[in-house]
C-alpha atoms as a PDB file:
ATOM      1  CA  UNK A   1     195.888 148.909  86.648  1.00  0.00           C
ATOM      2  CA  UNK A   2     193.532 149.371  89.730  1.00  0.00           C
ATOM      3  CA  UNK A   3     191.012 146.906  91.005  1.00  0.00           C
ATOM      4  CA  UNK A   4     192.883 143.591  89.491  1.00  0.00           C
ATOM      5  CA  UNK A   5     192.455 141.541  92.564  1.00  0.00           C
ATOM      6  CA  UNK A   6     189.537 143.508  94.155  1.00  0.00           C
ATOM      7  CA  UNK A   7     186.397 141.986  95.579  1.00  0.00           C
ATOM      8  CA  UNK A   8     183.627 144.491  96.242  1.00  0.00           C
ATOM      9  CA  UNK A   9     181.735 144.246  99.548  1.00  0.00           C
ATOM     10  CA  UNK A  10     178.461 146.003  99.803  1.00  0.00           C
ATOM     11  CA  UNK A  11     174.984 145.410 101.331  1.00  0.00           C
ATOM     12  CA  UNK A  12     172.485 148.035 102.595  1.00  0.00           C
ATOM     13  CA  UNK A  13     172.465 150.618 105.314  1.00  0.00           C
ATOM     14  CA  UNK A  14     172.452 148.725 108.663  1.00  0.00           C
ATOM     15  CA  UNK A  15     173.205 145.413 107.398  1.00  0.00           C
ATOM     16  CA  UNK A  16     176.342 145.114 109.164  1.00  0.00           C
ATOM     17  CA  UNK A  17     179.074 145.631 106.558  1.00  0.00           C
ATOM     18  CA  UNK A  18     181.716 147.345 108.911  1.00  0.00           C
ATOM     19  CA  UNK A  19     181.123 144.418 111.365  1.00  0.00           C
ATOM     20  CA  UNK A  20     181.662 141.778 108.428  1.00  0.00           C
ATOM     21  CA  UNK A  21     184.682 143.759 107.350  1.00  0.00           C
ATOM     22  CA  UNK A  22     186.332 143.988 110.761  1.00  0.00           C
ATOM     23  CA  UNK A  23     185.872 140.180 110.867  1.00  0.00           C
ATOM     24  CA  UNK A  24     187.254 139.641 107.381  1.00  0.00           C
ATOM     25  CA  UNK A  25     190.415 141.802 108.583  1.00  0.00           C
ATOM     26  CA  UNK A  26     190.970 139.515 111.436  1.00  0.00           C
ATOM     27  CA  UNK A  27     191.094 136.663 109.119  1.00  0.00           C
ATOM     28  CA  UNK A  28     193.848 138.412 107.164  1.00  0.00           C
ATOM     29  CA  UNK A  29     192.151 140.103 104.288  1.00  0.00           C
ATOM     30  CA  UNK A  30     193.186 143.725 103.434  1.00  0.00           C
ATOM     31  CA  UNK A  31     190.371 146.130 103.417  1.00  0.00           C
ATOM     32  CA  UNK A  32     189.647 149.642 101.635  1.00  0.00           C
ATOM     33  CA  UNK A  33     187.124 151.272 103.358  1.00  0.00           C
ATOM     34  CA  UNK A  34     185.116 153.636 101.074  1.00  0.00           C
ATOM     35  CA  UNK A  35     183.300 155.069 103.804  1.00  0.00           C
ATOM     36  CA  UNK A  36     186.297 156.584 105.710  1.00  0.00           C
ATOM     37  CA  UNK A  37     187.668 157.805 102.414  1.00  0.00           C
ATOM     38  CA  UNK A  38     184.286 159.486 101.729  1.00  0.00           C
ATOM     39  CA  UNK A  39     184.350 161.157 105.105  1.00  0.00           C
ATOM     40  CA  UNK A  40     187.794 162.534 104.196  1.00  0.00           C
ATOM     41  CA  UNK A  41     186.531 163.765 100.894  1.00  0.00           C
ATOM     42  CA  UNK A  42     183.514 165.650 102.666  1.00  0.00           C
ATOM     43  CA  UNK A  43     185.658 167.261 105.162  1.00  0.00           C
ATOM     44  CA  UNK A  44     188.153 168.448 102.419  1.00  0.00           C
ATOM     45  CA  UNK A  45     185.014 169.660 100.419  1.00  0.00           C
ATOM     46  CA  UNK A  46     183.514 171.704 103.267  1.00  0.00           C
ATOM     47  CA  UNK A  47     183.937 175.013 101.301  1.00  0.00           C
ATOM     48  CA  UNK A  48     181.914 173.706  98.495  1.00  0.00           C
ATOM     49  CA  UNK A  49     179.123 172.014 100.686  1.00  0.00           C
ATOM     50  CA  UNK A  50     178.788 175.401 102.331  1.00  0.00           C
ATOM     51  CA  UNK A  51     178.363 176.939  98.954  1.00  0.00           C
ATOM     52  CA  UNK A  52     175.886 174.338  97.733  1.00  0.00           C
ATOM     53  CA  UNK A  53     173.766 174.138 100.856  1.00  0.00           C
ATOM     54  CA  UNK A  54     174.646 176.960 103.053  1.00  0.00           C
ATOM     55  CA  UNK A  55     176.834 177.738 106.106  1.00  0.00           C
ATOM     56  CA  UNK A  56     174.252 175.991 108.374  1.00  0.00           C
ATOM     57  CA  UNK A  57     175.690 172.504 107.257  1.00  0.00           C
ATOM     58  CA  UNK A  58     178.998 173.384 108.729  1.00  0.00           C
ATOM     59  CA  UNK A  59     180.209 172.953 112.398  1.00  0.00           C
ATOM     60  CA  UNK A  60     181.881 175.559 114.262  1.00  0.00           C
ATOM     61  CA  UNK A  61     185.190 174.179 113.719  1.00  0.00           C
ATOM     62  CA  UNK A  62     184.568 174.310 109.997  1.00  0.00           C
ATOM     63  CA  UNK A  63     184.010 170.812 109.377  1.00  0.00           C
ATOM     64  CA  UNK A  64     180.693 169.283 107.815  1.00  0.00           C
ATOM     65  CA  UNK A  65     177.964 168.559 110.187  1.00  0.00           C
ATOM     66  CA  UNK A  66     177.379 165.178 108.746  1.00  0.00           C
ATOM     67  CA  UNK A  67     174.082 164.411 110.535  1.00  0.00           C
ATOM     68  CA  UNK A  68     172.554 167.891 109.618  1.00  0.00           C
ATOM     69  CA  UNK A  69     173.495 167.205 105.866  1.00  0.00           C
ATOM     70  CA  UNK A  70     172.336 163.382 106.062  1.00  0.00           C
ATOM     71  CA  UNK A  71     168.797 164.578 107.154  1.00  0.00           C
ATOM     72  CA  UNK A  72     168.892 167.089 104.002  1.00  0.00           C
ATOM     73  CA  UNK A  73     170.153 164.774 101.421  1.00  0.00           C
ATOM     74  CA  UNK A  74     167.907 161.692 102.488  1.00  0.00           C
ATOM     75  CA  UNK A  75     164.824 164.009 102.366  1.00  0.00           C
ATOM     76  CA  UNK A  76     165.601 165.863  99.152  1.00  0.00           C
ATOM     77  CA  UNK A  77     166.768 163.583  95.836  1.00  0.00           C
ATOM     78  CA  UNK A  78     167.889 166.948  94.126  1.00  0.00           C
ATOM     79  CA  UNK A  79     170.291 167.676  97.048  1.00  0.00           C
ATOM     80  CA  UNK A  80     171.619 164.245  97.265  1.00  0.00           C
ATOM     81  CA  UNK A  81     172.329 164.075  93.639  1.00  0.00           C
ATOM     82  CA  UNK A  82     174.321 167.502  93.875  1.00  0.00           C
ATOM     83  CA  UNK A  83     176.251 166.104  96.906  1.00  0.00           C
ATOM     84  CA  UNK A  84     177.051 163.060  95.060  1.00  0.00           C
ATOM     85  CA  UNK A  85     178.289 164.907  91.824  1.00  0.00           C
ATOM     86  CA  UNK A  86     180.701 166.623  94.115  1.00  0.00           C
ATOM     87  CA  UNK A  87     181.865 163.906  95.885  1.00  0.00           C
ATOM     88  CA  UNK A  88     181.759 160.654  93.951  1.00  0.00           C
ATOM     89  CA  UNK A  89     184.405 161.351  91.340  1.00  0.00           C
ATOM     90  CA  UNK A  90     187.003 162.210  94.306  1.00  0.00           C
ATOM     91  CA  UNK A  91     186.124 159.183  96.028  1.00  0.00           C
ATOM     92  CA  UNK A  92     186.454 156.936  93.151  1.00  0.00           C
ATOM     93  CA  UNK A  93     189.915 158.599  92.450  1.00  0.00           C
ATOM     94  CA  UNK A  94     191.056 157.950  95.996  1.00  0.00           C
ATOM     95  CA  UNK A  95     189.887 154.212  96.015  1.00  0.00           C
ATOM     96  CA  UNK A  96     191.504 153.577  92.636  1.00  0.00           C
ATOM     97  CA  UNK A  97     194.885 154.888  94.031  1.00  0.00           C
ATOM     98  CA  UNK A  98     194.666 152.659  97.094  1.00  0.00           C
ATOM     99  CA  UNK A  99     193.534 149.789  94.880  1.00  0.00           C
ATOM    100  CA  UNK A 100     196.765 149.897  92.818  1.00  0.00           C
ATOM    101  CA  UNK A 101     198.909 149.722  96.062  1.00  0.00           C
ATOM    102  CA  UNK A 102     196.823 146.524  97.032  1.00  0.00           C
ATOM    103  CA  UNK A 103     197.191 144.998  93.328  1.00  0.00           C
ATOM    104  CA  UNK A 104     200.881 145.463  93.524  1.00  0.00           C
ATOM    105  CA  UNK A 105     201.010 143.320  96.827  1.00  0.00           C
ATOM    106  CA  UNK A 106     199.016 140.510  94.989  1.00  0.00           C
ATOM    107  CA  UNK A 107     196.213 138.366  96.371  1.00  0.00           C
ATOM    108  CA  UNK A 108     192.657 139.349  97.016  1.00  0.00           C
ATOM    109  CA  UNK A 109     191.657 142.257  98.862  1.00  0.00           C
ATOM    110  CA  UNK A 110     188.167 143.938  99.760  1.00  0.00           C
ATOM    111  CA  UNK A 111     186.866 147.324  98.793  1.00  0.00           C
ATOM    112  CA  UNK A 112     183.915 148.142 101.109  1.00  0.00           C
ATOM    113  CA  UNK A 113     181.677 150.081  98.886  1.00  0.00           C
ATOM    114  CA  UNK A 114     178.128 150.795 100.388  1.00  0.00           C
ATOM    115  CA  UNK A 115     176.807 152.084  96.921  1.00  0.00           C
ATOM    116  CA  UNK A 116     178.649 149.448  94.692  1.00  0.00           C
ATOM    117  CA  UNK A 117     175.490 148.613  92.736  1.00  0.00           C
ATOM    118  CA  UNK A 118     173.889 152.112  92.679  1.00  0.00           C
ATOM    119  CA  UNK A 119     177.013 153.696  91.386  1.00  0.00           C
ATOM    120  CA  UNK A 120     177.761 151.050  88.839  1.00  0.00           C
ATOM    121  CA  UNK A 121     181.207 152.619  87.956  1.00  0.00           C
ATOM    122  CA  UNK A 122     183.913 150.427  89.762  1.00  0.00           C
ATOM    123  CA  UNK A 123     185.180 147.767  87.473  1.00  0.00           C
ATOM    124  CA  UNK A 124     185.254 144.878  90.117  1.00  0.00           C
ATOM    125  CA  UNK A 125     183.845 141.460  88.915  1.00  0.00           C
ATOM    126  CA  UNK A 126     183.316 139.624  92.486  1.00  0.00           C
ATOM    127  CA  UNK A 127     180.937 140.766  94.927  1.00  0.00           C
ATOM    128  CA  UNK A 128     180.105 139.925  98.472  1.00  0.00           C
ATOM    129  CA  UNK A 129     176.772 141.112  99.744  1.00  0.00           C
ATOM    130  CA  UNK A 130     176.271 141.511 103.561  1.00  0.00           C
ATOM    131  CA  UNK A 131     172.500 140.849 103.966  1.00  0.00           C
ATOM    132  CA  UNK A 132     169.795 141.480 106.511  1.00  0.00           C
ATOM    133  CA  UNK A 133     166.176 141.754 105.686  1.00  0.00           C
ATOM    134  CA  UNK A 134     164.587 145.148 105.350  1.00  0.00           C
ATOM    135  CA  UNK A 135     162.414 145.100 108.496  1.00  0.00           C
ATOM    136  CA  UNK A 136     165.649 144.067 110.407  1.00  0.00           C
ATOM    137  CA  UNK A 137     167.760 146.919 108.636  1.00  0.00           C
ATOM    138  CA  UNK A 138     165.044 149.461 109.615  1.00  0.00           C
ATOM    139  CA  UNK A 139     164.872 148.431 113.212  1.00  0.00           C
ATOM    140  CA  UNK A 140     168.798 148.488 113.464  1.00  0.00           C
ATOM    141  CA  UNK A 141     168.774 151.817 111.728  1.00  0.00           C
ATOM    142  CA  UNK A 142     166.264 153.489 114.166  1.00  0.00           C
ATOM    143  CA  UNK A 143     168.055 152.255 117.060  1.00  0.00           C
ATOM    144  CA  UNK A 144     171.594 153.102 115.893  1.00  0.00           C
ATOM    145  CA  UNK A 145     170.769 156.479 114.305  1.00  0.00           C
ATOM    146  CA  UNK A 146     167.924 157.509 116.745  1.00  0.00           C
ATOM    147  CA  UNK A 147     165.765 157.807 113.700  1.00  0.00           C
ATOM    148  CA  UNK A 148     161.810 157.722 113.564  1.00  0.00           C
ATOM    149  CA  UNK A 149     160.308 155.355 111.196  1.00  0.00           C
ATOM    150  CA  UNK A 150     159.648 157.803 108.065  1.00  0.00           C
ATOM    151  CA  UNK A 151     163.404 159.100 108.352  1.00  0.00           C
ATOM    152  CA  UNK A 152     164.590 155.305 108.277  1.00  0.00           C
ATOM    153  CA  UNK A 153     162.418 154.504 105.394  1.00  0.00           C
ATOM    154  CA  UNK A 154     163.786 157.383 103.596  1.00  0.00           C
ATOM    155  CA  UNK A 155     167.293 156.309 104.093  1.00  0.00           C
ATOM    156  CA  UNK A 156     166.333 152.665 103.022  1.00  0.00           C
ATOM    157  CA  UNK A 157     164.494 153.807  99.919  1.00  0.00           C
ATOM    158  CA  UNK A 158     167.664 156.000  98.871  1.00  0.00           C
ATOM    159  CA  UNK A 159     169.452 152.633  98.196  1.00  0.00           C
ATOM    160  CA  UNK A 160     168.713 149.687  95.906  1.00  0.00           C
ATOM    161  CA  UNK A 161     166.556 147.094  97.625  1.00  0.00           C
ATOM    162  CA  UNK A 162     168.503 144.628  99.622  1.00  0.00           C
ATOM    163  CA  UNK A 163     166.905 141.472  98.138  1.00  0.00           C
ATOM    164  CA  UNK A 164     167.912 142.815  94.576  1.00  0.00           C
ATOM    165  CA  UNK A 165     171.459 143.162  95.967  1.00  0.00           C
ATOM    166  CA  UNK A 166     171.414 139.722  97.406  1.00  0.00           C
ATOM    167  CA  UNK A 167     170.277 138.091  94.163  1.00  0.00           C
ATOM    168  CA  UNK A 168     173.117 139.990  92.199  1.00  0.00           C
ATOM    169  CA  UNK A 169     175.977 138.813  94.688  1.00  0.00           C
ATOM    170  CA  UNK A 170     178.535 136.275  94.033  1.00  0.00           C
ATOM    171  CA  UNK A 171     178.625 135.469  97.761  1.00  0.00           C
ATOM    172  CA  UNK A 172     176.115 136.478 100.548  1.00  0.00           C
ATOM    173  CA  UNK A 173     177.108 136.897 104.194  1.00  0.00           C
ATOM    174  CA  UNK A 174     173.734 136.463 106.006  1.00  0.00           C
ATOM    175  CA  UNK A 175     173.633 138.842 108.943  1.00  0.00           C
ATOM    176  CA  UNK A 176     170.102 138.395 110.130  1.00  0.00           C
ATOM    177  CA  UNK A 177     171.120 136.671 113.219  1.00  0.00           C
ATOM    178  CA  UNK A 178     173.538 137.294 116.208  1.00  0.00           C
ATOM    179  CA  UNK A 179     177.285 137.920 116.189  1.00  0.00           C
ATOM    180  CA  UNK A 180     178.084 134.097 116.368  1.00  0.00           C
ATOM    181  CA  UNK A 181     176.173 133.699 113.068  1.00  0.00           C
ATOM    182  CA  UNK A 182     177.871 136.527 111.697  1.00  0.00           C
ATOM    183  CA  UNK A 183     181.346 134.984 112.534  1.00  0.00           C
ATOM    184  CA  UNK A 184     180.419 131.724 110.900  1.00  0.00           C
ATOM    185  CA  UNK A 185     179.165 133.478 107.791  1.00  0.00           C
ATOM    186  CA  UNK A 186     182.201 135.662 107.282  1.00  0.00           C
ATOM    187  CA  UNK A 187     184.629 132.568 108.095  1.00  0.00           C
ATOM    188  CA  UNK A 188     182.847 130.754 105.150  1.00  0.00           C
ATOM    189  CA  UNK A 189     183.033 133.598 102.893  1.00  0.00           C
ATOM    190  CA  UNK A 190     186.716 134.183 103.681  1.00  0.00           C
ATOM    191  CA  UNK A 191     187.346 130.634 102.853  1.00  0.00           C
ATOM    192  CA  UNK A 192     185.514 130.710  99.450  1.00  0.00           C
ATOM    193  CA  UNK A 193     187.528 133.955  98.597  1.00  0.00           C
ATOM    194  CA  UNK A 194     190.729 132.591  99.415  1.00  0.00           C
ATOM    195  CA  UNK A 195     190.099 129.335  97.575  1.00  0.00           C
ATOM    196  CA  UNK A 196     188.652 131.060  94.532  1.00  0.00           C
ATOM    197  CA  UNK A 197     191.867 132.651  93.346  1.00  0.00           C
END
């Protein structure tokens, strides 16, 4: 059965989930990265993306132009729902398969799922939230993606508020400071995870 020993890791856009996962991996936790599975699923669905949204959303090599598609789906809720309906069942199935392999090895492992609370369809009991206040999320997002303020706000508004996620979490990694703080926070959570089972 999938997700038996799984711990979900989530947060908001630009809270530092990837950095936290990389650190947890260094400490020895196994990680399933939903984002890389989603990227693969998106590329495999390129023909359907072109059919739904038009050839303009494909690159010359036939792959999906993620940046262009991202601009569309974060500005248009109906388009976002169409894309999610296409991709999420495939992503879930791929993650469940990976999870079964990890369960067979025993011991806890992390499933990094950006939209864990929003989707609500992963049967995982324990959740780590990587946290940064919304203003810092917005600042990081604008810097990282080169977005203006309204585009950054649209992306933040497409997800559940980070404060709500923080309240729902079993464990919180506070990433509102520098890398040293993130390392301390991640180490603290690693110890809690490894001592909890």
